[in-house]
Amino acid sequence: MTRGLKEGEPNGRDVYPDIIDHPHWQSPARPHMSLYDRAAQFSSFDALAGYSDMVREEQRRTDQKIEPGETELEILNRKMAWIGRLIAEGQHPAVSITYFEPDPLKEGGSYKTITEPVKKIDTAGRRIVLMRKEGYSGRNAAIDMADILEIRGKMFDESDDRMEE
């Protein structure tokens, strides 16, 4: 005869003699579930929900904003003044603007380049407004002047001397 699992426990055969030697009950309406399927019921439990996303976010790299020097700022100001003169004449020159976009989740951000016609230069708001519309709001895309690293365009490539006019 077997004894209980621990010292002082009663023998299971003595406590449950009426059911101890019966076969395991099986439902006639449902098939027997495999051990693999039974384990699958519990595999969806994720004790560390979101942990892998957090690790991926921590590993994601961001750039630091480059502060242009005095010379670069002077060149940017001349280019914006030239664009402003063209807009005053009724033109909307297409330019490529490289600008810094801050990351919404962590320190730093990334540099983006956009090529669009310029609608206006908002000196009071210190931003360049582009012709392109943004999302569902229908507003024109705008870039803060403080975030601009470089402005390029066909008009600047043709002659750097014209910028000083």
N, C-alpha and C. Protein backbone atom coordinates (compact mmCIF):
# COMPACT_ATOMS: atom_id res chain seq x y z
N MET A 1 0.84 -1.19 0.00
CA MET A 1 0.00 0.00 0.00
C MET A 1 0.88 1.24 0.00
N THR A 2 0.37 2.25 -0.65
CA THR A 2 1.12 3.52 -0.68
C THR A 2 0.71 4.37 0.49
N ARG A 3 1.59 5.20 0.87
CA ARG A 3 1.31 6.13 1.96
C ARG A 3 1.05 7.51 1.40
N GLY A 4 0.70 8.46 2.27
CA GLY A 4 0.51 9.85 1.85
C GLY A 4 1.83 10.44 1.39
N LEU A 5 1.76 11.57 0.72
CA LEU A 5 2.96 12.21 0.20
C LEU A 5 3.83 12.78 1.31
N LYS A 6 3.23 13.25 2.38
CA LYS A 6 3.98 13.83 3.49
C LYS A 6 3.73 13.02 4.75
N GLU A 7 4.60 13.17 5.67
CA GLU A 7 4.48 12.48 6.95
C GLU A 7 3.18 12.91 7.64
N GLY A 8 2.40 12.00 8.07
CA GLY A 8 1.17 12.31 8.78
C GLY A 8 -0.05 12.39 7.87
N GLU A 9 0.15 12.39 6.53
CA GLU A 9 -1.00 12.41 5.62
C GLU A 9 -1.60 11.00 5.55
N PRO A 10 -2.93 10.92 5.38
CA PRO A 10 -3.53 9.60 5.25
C PRO A 10 -3.24 9.00 3.88
N ASN A 11 -3.33 7.73 3.77
CA ASN A 11 -3.13 7.00 2.52
C ASN A 11 -4.32 7.28 1.61
N GLY A 12 -4.08 7.64 0.35
CA GLY A 12 -5.13 7.94 -0.60
C GLY A 12 -6.04 6.76 -0.86
N ARG A 13 -5.51 5.56 -0.82
CA ARG A 13 -6.34 4.36 -1.06
C ARG A 13 -7.31 4.14 0.10
N ASP A 14 -6.92 4.58 1.27
CA ASP A 14 -7.82 4.45 2.41
C ASP A 14 -8.91 5.51 2.39
N VAL A 15 -8.58 6.70 1.93
CA VAL A 15 -9.53 7.81 1.94
C VAL A 15 -10.52 7.72 0.78
N TYR A 16 -10.04 7.32 -0.43
CA TYR A 16 -10.88 7.28 -1.63
C TYR A 16 -10.96 5.87 -2.23
N PRO A 17 -11.36 4.87 -1.48
CA PRO A 17 -11.37 3.51 -2.04
C PRO A 17 -12.42 3.33 -3.12
N ASP A 18 -13.52 4.13 -3.10
CA ASP A 18 -14.59 3.95 -4.07
C ASP A 18 -14.26 4.48 -5.46
N ILE A 19 -13.28 5.37 -5.59
CA ILE A 19 -12.97 5.93 -6.91
C ILE A 19 -11.52 5.73 -7.35
N ILE A 20 -10.71 5.22 -6.51
CA ILE A 20 -9.27 5.21 -6.78
C ILE A 20 -8.89 4.34 -7.97
N ASP A 21 -9.58 3.27 -8.25
CA ASP A 21 -9.19 2.37 -9.35
C ASP A 21 -10.08 2.53 -10.57
N HIS A 22 -10.92 3.56 -10.62
CA HIS A 22 -11.78 3.77 -11.78
C HIS A 22 -10.98 4.44 -12.89
N PRO A 23 -11.37 4.21 -14.15
CA PRO A 23 -10.69 4.88 -15.26
C PRO A 23 -11.06 6.37 -15.28
N HIS A 24 -10.19 7.18 -15.86
CA HIS A 24 -10.43 8.62 -15.96
C HIS A 24 -11.66 8.85 -16.83
N TRP A 25 -12.55 9.74 -16.38
CA TRP A 25 -13.78 10.00 -17.12
C TRP A 25 -13.50 10.79 -18.38
N GLN A 26 -14.13 10.43 -19.47
CA GLN A 26 -13.98 11.09 -20.76
C GLN A 26 -15.35 11.48 -21.27
N SER A 27 -15.53 12.73 -21.70
CA SER A 27 -16.81 13.20 -22.22
C SER A 27 -17.09 12.54 -23.56
N PRO A 28 -18.31 12.01 -23.73
CA PRO A 28 -18.65 11.41 -25.03
C PRO A 28 -18.93 12.49 -26.08
N ALA A 29 -19.24 13.71 -25.66
CA ALA A 29 -19.60 14.78 -26.60
C ALA A 29 -18.38 15.53 -27.14
N ARG A 30 -17.28 15.54 -26.39
CA ARG A 30 -16.10 16.30 -26.81
C ARG A 30 -14.90 15.37 -26.94
N PRO A 31 -14.10 15.58 -28.00
CA PRO A 31 -12.91 14.74 -28.14
C PRO A 31 -11.86 15.11 -27.09
N HIS A 32 -10.98 14.17 -26.83
CA HIS A 32 -9.91 14.40 -25.86
C HIS A 32 -8.95 15.45 -26.40
N MET A 33 -8.58 16.44 -25.58
CA MET A 33 -7.68 17.51 -25.99
C MET A 33 -6.24 17.06 -25.78
N SER A 34 -5.42 17.30 -26.81
CA SER A 34 -4.02 16.91 -26.70
C SER A 34 -3.31 17.82 -25.69
N LEU A 35 -2.17 17.34 -25.20
CA LEU A 35 -1.38 18.16 -24.26
C LEU A 35 -0.91 19.45 -24.93
N TYR A 36 -0.61 19.38 -26.25
CA TYR A 36 -0.18 20.56 -26.98
C TYR A 36 -1.29 21.61 -27.00
N ASP A 37 -2.53 21.19 -27.28
CA ASP A 37 -3.65 22.12 -27.30
C ASP A 37 -3.95 22.68 -25.91
N ARG A 38 -3.80 21.86 -24.89
CA ARG A 38 -4.02 22.35 -23.53
C ARG A 38 -2.98 23.41 -23.16
N ALA A 39 -1.75 23.18 -23.57
CA ALA A 39 -0.68 24.15 -23.28
C ALA A 39 -0.92 25.46 -24.03
N ALA A 40 -1.50 25.37 -25.23
CA ALA A 40 -1.74 26.57 -26.03
C ALA A 40 -2.74 27.51 -25.36
N GLN A 41 -3.61 26.97 -24.53
CA GLN A 41 -4.57 27.81 -23.82
C GLN A 41 -3.87 28.81 -22.90
N PHE A 42 -2.73 28.44 -22.39
CA PHE A 42 -2.03 29.29 -21.43
C PHE A 42 -0.86 30.04 -22.04
N SER A 43 -0.49 29.74 -23.29
CA SER A 43 0.69 30.36 -23.88
C SER A 43 0.47 31.83 -24.21
N SER A 44 -0.76 32.27 -24.36
CA SER A 44 -0.99 33.67 -24.72
C SER A 44 -0.74 34.61 -23.54
N PHE A 45 -0.60 34.10 -22.36
CA PHE A 45 -0.33 34.93 -21.20
C PHE A 45 1.08 35.51 -21.32
N ASP A 46 1.17 36.84 -21.25
CA ASP A 46 2.46 37.53 -21.37
C ASP A 46 2.70 38.30 -20.07
N ALA A 47 3.53 37.72 -19.22
CA ALA A 47 3.78 38.34 -17.92
C ALA A 47 4.48 39.69 -18.07
N LEU A 48 5.23 39.86 -19.14
CA LEU A 48 5.96 41.12 -19.35
C LEU A 48 5.40 41.86 -20.56
N ALA A 49 4.11 42.08 -20.56
CA ALA A 49 3.46 42.76 -21.68
C ALA A 49 4.10 44.13 -21.90
N GLY A 50 4.48 44.40 -23.15
CA GLY A 50 5.07 45.68 -23.49
C GLY A 50 6.57 45.77 -23.27
N TYR A 51 7.17 44.78 -22.64
CA TYR A 51 8.60 44.85 -22.34
C TYR A 51 9.43 44.87 -23.63
N SER A 52 9.07 44.03 -24.61
CA SER A 52 9.85 44.00 -25.85
C SER A 52 9.72 45.32 -26.60
N ASP A 53 8.53 45.96 -26.55
CA ASP A 53 8.37 47.27 -27.18
C ASP A 53 9.24 48.32 -26.48
N MET A 54 9.31 48.24 -25.16
CA MET A 54 10.11 49.18 -24.40
C MET A 54 11.60 49.02 -24.74
N VAL A 55 12.07 47.78 -24.87
CA VAL A 55 13.47 47.52 -25.21
C VAL A 55 13.76 48.04 -26.63
N ARG A 56 12.84 47.79 -27.57
CA ARG A 56 13.02 48.26 -28.94
C ARG A 56 13.09 49.79 -28.96
N GLU A 57 12.23 50.46 -28.21
CA GLU A 57 12.23 51.92 -28.16
C GLU A 57 13.53 52.45 -27.56
N GLU A 58 14.04 51.77 -26.55
CA GLU A 58 15.29 52.19 -25.92
C GLU A 58 16.47 52.05 -26.89
N GLN A 59 16.42 51.04 -27.76
CA GLN A 59 17.50 50.81 -28.71
C GLN A 59 17.44 51.75 -29.91
N ARG A 60 16.27 52.33 -30.16
CA ARG A 60 16.11 53.21 -31.31
C ARG A 60 16.99 54.46 -31.14
N ARG A 61 17.74 54.77 -32.18
CA ARG A 61 18.68 55.89 -32.14
C ARG A 61 18.01 57.18 -32.58
N THR A 62 18.42 58.28 -31.97
CA THR A 62 17.98 59.60 -32.39
C THR A 62 19.22 60.46 -32.61
N ASP A 63 19.07 61.48 -33.45
CA ASP A 63 20.16 62.41 -33.72
C ASP A 63 20.04 63.60 -32.78
N GLN A 64 21.16 64.24 -32.53
CA GLN A 64 21.15 65.48 -31.77
C GLN A 64 21.06 66.63 -32.76
N LYS A 65 20.40 67.70 -32.36
CA LYS A 65 20.22 68.85 -33.23
C LYS A 65 21.56 69.56 -33.41
N ILE A 66 21.87 69.88 -34.67
CA ILE A 66 23.10 70.60 -35.01
C ILE A 66 22.78 72.09 -34.99
N GLU A 67 23.53 72.83 -34.24
CA GLU A 67 23.34 74.28 -34.19
C GLU A 67 24.25 74.91 -35.24
N PRO A 68 23.66 75.54 -36.29
CA PRO A 68 24.50 76.14 -37.33
C PRO A 68 25.31 77.32 -36.78
N GLY A 69 26.48 77.50 -37.36
CA GLY A 69 27.35 78.60 -36.95
C GLY A 69 26.89 79.93 -37.54
N GLU A 70 27.62 80.97 -37.23
CA GLU A 70 27.26 82.32 -37.69
C GLU A 70 27.24 82.41 -39.22
N THR A 71 28.24 81.80 -39.86
CA THR A 71 28.31 81.85 -41.33
C THR A 71 27.13 81.13 -41.95
N GLU A 72 26.80 79.96 -41.43
CA GLU A 72 25.67 79.19 -41.97
C GLU A 72 24.35 79.94 -41.77
N LEU A 73 24.21 80.60 -40.61
CA LEU A 73 22.99 81.38 -40.35
C LEU A 73 22.87 82.56 -41.32
N GLU A 74 23.98 83.18 -41.62
CA GLU A 74 23.98 84.30 -42.57
C GLU A 74 23.56 83.82 -43.96
N ILE A 75 24.07 82.67 -44.38
CA ILE A 75 23.70 82.11 -45.68
C ILE A 75 22.21 81.77 -45.71
N LEU A 76 21.71 81.15 -44.63
CA LEU A 76 20.28 80.82 -44.55
C LEU A 76 19.43 82.08 -44.61
N ASN A 77 19.83 83.13 -43.91
CA ASN A 77 19.08 84.39 -43.93
C ASN A 77 19.03 85.00 -45.32
N ARG A 78 20.16 84.95 -46.04
CA ARG A 78 20.19 85.48 -47.41
C ARG A 78 19.27 84.68 -48.33
N LYS A 79 19.31 83.35 -48.17
CA LYS A 79 18.45 82.50 -49.00
C LYS A 79 16.97 82.77 -48.70
N MET A 80 16.62 82.93 -47.43
CA MET A 80 15.22 83.21 -47.09
C MET A 80 14.80 84.60 -47.61
N ALA A 81 15.70 85.56 -47.57
CA ALA A 81 15.39 86.89 -48.10
C ALA A 81 15.15 86.81 -49.61
N TRP A 82 15.96 86.02 -50.31
CA TRP A 82 15.80 85.85 -51.75
C TRP A 82 14.46 85.19 -52.05
N ILE A 83 14.11 84.15 -51.28
CA ILE A 83 12.81 83.48 -51.45
C ILE A 83 11.69 84.48 -51.20
N GLY A 84 11.84 85.31 -50.17
CA GLY A 84 10.84 86.33 -49.86
C GLY A 84 10.63 87.31 -51.00
N ARG A 85 11.72 87.71 -51.67
CA ARG A 85 11.61 88.61 -52.82
C ARG A 85 10.87 87.95 -53.98
N LEU A 86 11.16 86.68 -54.22
CA LEU A 86 10.47 85.95 -55.30
C LEU A 86 8.98 85.80 -55.00
N ILE A 87 8.64 85.57 -53.75
CA ILE A 87 7.22 85.45 -53.37
C ILE A 87 6.52 86.79 -53.55
N ALA A 88 7.21 87.88 -53.21
CA ALA A 88 6.64 89.22 -53.39
C ALA A 88 6.38 89.51 -54.87
N GLU A 89 7.16 88.88 -55.76
CA GLU A 89 6.98 89.04 -57.21
C GLU A 89 5.91 88.10 -57.76
N GLY A 90 5.31 87.28 -56.87
CA GLY A 90 4.24 86.38 -57.31
C GLY A 90 4.69 84.97 -57.63
N GLN A 91 5.95 84.66 -57.39
CA GLN A 91 6.46 83.31 -57.65
C GLN A 91 6.40 82.48 -56.36
N HIS A 92 6.41 81.19 -56.54
CA HIS A 92 6.48 80.27 -55.39
C HIS A 92 7.58 79.25 -55.69
N PRO A 93 8.83 79.60 -55.39
CA PRO A 93 9.94 78.73 -55.75
C PRO A 93 9.94 77.40 -54.98
N ALA A 94 10.28 76.35 -55.69
CA ALA A 94 10.42 75.04 -55.05
C ALA A 94 11.82 74.92 -54.49
N VAL A 95 11.92 74.57 -53.21
CA VAL A 95 13.22 74.43 -52.55
C VAL A 95 13.23 73.13 -51.76
N SER A 96 14.43 72.64 -51.47
CA SER A 96 14.62 71.49 -50.59
C SER A 96 15.11 72.02 -49.26
N ILE A 97 14.36 71.71 -48.21
CA ILE A 97 14.70 72.18 -46.88
C ILE A 97 15.05 70.99 -46.01
N THR A 98 16.25 71.01 -45.43
CA THR A 98 16.66 70.00 -44.46
C THR A 98 16.44 70.60 -43.08
N TYR A 99 15.61 69.92 -42.29
CA TYR A 99 15.23 70.46 -40.98
C TYR A 99 15.24 69.37 -39.92
N PHE A 100 15.31 69.79 -38.68
CA PHE A 100 15.32 68.88 -37.53
C PHE A 100 13.90 68.69 -37.03
N GLU A 101 13.51 67.44 -36.87
CA GLU A 101 12.19 67.13 -36.31
C GLU A 101 12.38 66.44 -34.97
N PRO A 102 11.99 67.08 -33.86
CA PRO A 102 12.17 66.46 -32.55
C PRO A 102 11.38 65.17 -32.41
N ASP A 103 11.95 64.23 -31.69
CA ASP A 103 11.29 62.95 -31.44
C ASP A 103 10.24 63.15 -30.35
N PRO A 104 9.02 62.65 -30.54
CA PRO A 104 7.98 62.86 -29.52
C PRO A 104 8.16 62.01 -28.27
N LEU A 105 8.99 60.95 -28.35
CA LEU A 105 9.11 60.02 -27.23
C LEU A 105 10.39 60.14 -26.42
N LYS A 106 11.45 60.63 -27.03
CA LYS A 106 12.72 60.70 -26.29
C LYS A 106 13.53 61.88 -26.76
N GLU A 107 14.64 62.12 -26.07
CA GLU A 107 15.49 63.25 -26.38
C GLU A 107 16.13 63.06 -27.75
N GLY A 108 16.26 64.15 -28.49
CA GLY A 108 16.84 64.09 -29.83
C GLY A 108 15.75 64.12 -30.88
N GLY A 109 16.07 63.62 -32.05
CA GLY A 109 15.12 63.60 -33.15
C GLY A 109 15.81 63.11 -34.40
N SER A 110 15.33 63.58 -35.56
CA SER A 110 15.93 63.16 -36.82
C SER A 110 15.86 64.31 -37.82
N TYR A 111 16.73 64.25 -38.80
CA TYR A 111 16.74 65.25 -39.86
C TYR A 111 15.94 64.74 -41.04
N LYS A 112 15.08 65.61 -41.56
CA LYS A 112 14.23 65.28 -42.71
C LYS A 112 14.52 66.32 -43.79
N THR A 113 14.31 65.90 -45.03
CA THR A 113 14.42 66.82 -46.16
C THR A 113 13.11 66.79 -46.92
N ILE A 114 12.58 67.96 -47.19
CA ILE A 114 11.32 68.08 -47.92
C ILE A 114 11.54 69.03 -49.08
N THR A 115 10.98 68.69 -50.24
CA THR A 115 11.09 69.55 -51.42
C THR A 115 9.68 69.97 -51.80
N GLU A 116 9.39 71.24 -51.66
CA GLU A 116 8.05 71.79 -51.91
C GLU A 116 8.17 73.25 -52.33
N PRO A 117 7.16 73.76 -53.03
CA PRO A 117 7.11 75.20 -53.28
C PRO A 117 6.80 75.95 -51.98
N VAL A 118 7.40 77.11 -51.81
CA VAL A 118 7.19 77.91 -50.61
C VAL A 118 5.99 78.83 -50.84
N LYS A 119 5.04 78.83 -49.91
CA LYS A 119 3.87 79.70 -50.00
C LYS A 119 4.19 81.08 -49.45
N LYS A 120 4.81 81.10 -48.25
CA LYS A 120 5.18 82.39 -47.67
C LYS A 120 6.24 82.18 -46.59
N ILE A 121 6.91 83.26 -46.27
CA ILE A 121 7.86 83.26 -45.16
C ILE A 121 7.22 84.11 -44.06
N ASP A 122 6.89 83.46 -42.96
CA ASP A 122 6.23 84.13 -41.83
C ASP A 122 7.32 84.59 -40.87
N THR A 123 7.73 85.86 -40.99
CA THR A 123 8.81 86.37 -40.14
C THR A 123 8.34 86.56 -38.70
N ALA A 124 7.07 86.90 -38.51
CA ALA A 124 6.56 87.08 -37.14
C ALA A 124 6.51 85.74 -36.39
N GLY A 125 6.05 84.71 -37.08
CA GLY A 125 5.98 83.38 -36.47
C GLY A 125 7.26 82.59 -36.60
N ARG A 126 8.25 83.16 -37.28
CA ARG A 126 9.56 82.54 -37.50
C ARG A 126 9.43 81.14 -38.10
N ARG A 127 8.72 81.07 -39.24
CA ARG A 127 8.57 79.78 -39.92
C ARG A 127 8.39 79.99 -41.41
N ILE A 128 8.66 78.92 -42.15
CA ILE A 128 8.45 78.91 -43.60
C ILE A 128 7.21 78.06 -43.85
N VAL A 129 6.24 78.62 -44.55
CA VAL A 129 4.99 77.92 -44.85
C VAL A 129 5.09 77.40 -46.28
N LEU A 130 4.84 76.10 -46.44
CA LEU A 130 4.93 75.45 -47.74
C LEU A 130 3.55 75.31 -48.38
N MET A 131 3.50 75.03 -49.66
CA MET A 131 2.24 74.88 -50.38
C MET A 131 1.53 73.58 -49.99
N ARG A 132 2.27 72.58 -49.58
CA ARG A 132 1.70 71.26 -49.27
C ARG A 132 0.74 71.34 -48.09
N LYS A 133 -0.37 70.65 -48.21
CA LYS A 133 -1.36 70.59 -47.13
C LYS A 133 -1.00 69.45 -46.19
N GLU A 134 -1.35 69.63 -44.91
CA GLU A 134 -1.07 68.60 -43.89
C GLU A 134 -2.34 67.89 -43.51
N GLY A 135 -2.34 66.57 -43.60
CA GLY A 135 -3.40 65.71 -43.06
C GLY A 135 -4.81 66.19 -43.29
N TYR A 136 -5.65 65.92 -42.31
CA TYR A 136 -7.07 66.24 -42.40
C TYR A 136 -7.36 67.70 -42.06
N SER A 137 -6.40 68.37 -41.45
CA SER A 137 -6.64 69.75 -41.03
C SER A 137 -6.71 70.69 -42.23
N GLY A 138 -6.06 70.33 -43.32
CA GLY A 138 -6.06 71.17 -44.51
C GLY A 138 -5.14 72.37 -44.39
N ARG A 139 -4.37 72.46 -43.30
CA ARG A 139 -3.42 73.56 -43.14
C ARG A 139 -2.19 73.29 -43.97
N ASN A 140 -1.49 74.35 -44.30
CA ASN A 140 -0.23 74.20 -45.03
C ASN A 140 0.86 73.76 -44.06
N ALA A 141 1.77 72.93 -44.55
CA ALA A 141 2.90 72.48 -43.74
C ALA A 141 3.79 73.68 -43.46
N ALA A 142 4.32 73.73 -42.25
CA ALA A 142 5.20 74.84 -41.85
C ALA A 142 6.41 74.28 -41.12
N ILE A 143 7.54 74.93 -41.31
CA ILE A 143 8.78 74.51 -40.67
C ILE A 143 9.33 75.71 -39.88
N ASP A 144 9.65 75.48 -38.62
CA ASP A 144 10.24 76.53 -37.80
C ASP A 144 11.63 76.89 -38.33
N MET A 145 11.91 78.17 -38.40
CA MET A 145 13.21 78.62 -38.91
C MET A 145 14.36 78.14 -38.03
N ALA A 146 14.11 78.00 -36.73
CA ALA A 146 15.17 77.56 -35.81
C ALA A 146 15.58 76.11 -36.07
N ASP A 147 14.70 75.33 -36.73
CA ASP A 147 14.99 73.91 -36.99
C ASP A 147 15.64 73.68 -38.35
N ILE A 148 15.76 74.71 -39.17
CA ILE A 148 16.30 74.55 -40.53
C ILE A 148 17.82 74.46 -40.49
N LEU A 149 18.34 73.45 -41.14
CA LEU A 149 19.79 73.28 -41.24
C LEU A 149 20.30 73.77 -42.59
N GLU A 150 19.51 73.53 -43.66
CA GLU A 150 19.98 73.86 -45.00
C GLU A 150 18.79 74.09 -45.94
N ILE A 151 18.96 75.02 -46.86
CA ILE A 151 17.97 75.26 -47.92
C ILE A 151 18.71 75.17 -49.25
N ARG A 152 18.19 74.33 -50.13
CA ARG A 152 18.79 74.17 -51.46
C ARG A 152 17.71 74.34 -52.51
N GLY A 153 18.12 74.75 -53.68
CA GLY A 153 17.19 74.90 -54.78
C GLY A 153 17.91 75.23 -56.05
N LYS A 154 17.22 75.06 -57.16
CA LYS A 154 17.81 75.31 -58.47
C LYS A 154 18.26 76.77 -58.59
N MET A 155 17.48 77.69 -58.02
CA MET A 155 17.83 79.10 -58.14
C MET A 155 19.13 79.44 -57.42
N PHE A 156 19.46 78.71 -56.37
CA PHE A 156 20.71 78.97 -55.64
C PHE A 156 21.89 78.35 -56.37
N ASP A 157 21.64 77.26 -57.09
CA ASP A 157 22.72 76.57 -57.82
C ASP A 157 23.14 77.35 -59.06
N GLU A 158 22.19 78.07 -59.67
CA GLU A 158 22.50 78.79 -60.92
C GLU A 158 23.54 79.87 -60.70
N SER A 159 23.41 80.62 -59.62
CA SER A 159 24.37 81.68 -59.38
C SER A 159 24.31 82.12 -57.92
N ASP A 160 25.41 81.94 -57.24
CA ASP A 160 25.49 82.38 -55.85
C ASP A 160 25.64 83.91 -55.77
N ASP A 161 26.03 84.53 -56.87
CA ASP A 161 26.20 85.98 -56.88
C ASP A 161 24.86 86.69 -56.80
N ARG A 162 23.82 86.11 -57.36
CA ARG A 162 22.49 86.76 -57.36
C ARG A 162 21.93 86.88 -55.95
N MET A 163 22.37 86.04 -55.04
CA MET A 163 21.86 86.09 -53.67
C MET A 163 22.24 87.39 -52.98
N GLU A 164 23.33 87.98 -53.39
CA GLU A 164 23.79 89.19 -52.72
C GLU A 164 23.13 90.44 -53.27
N GLU A 165 22.30 90.30 -54.33
CA GLU A 165 21.63 91.48 -54.92
C GLU A 165 20.66 92.11 -53.96
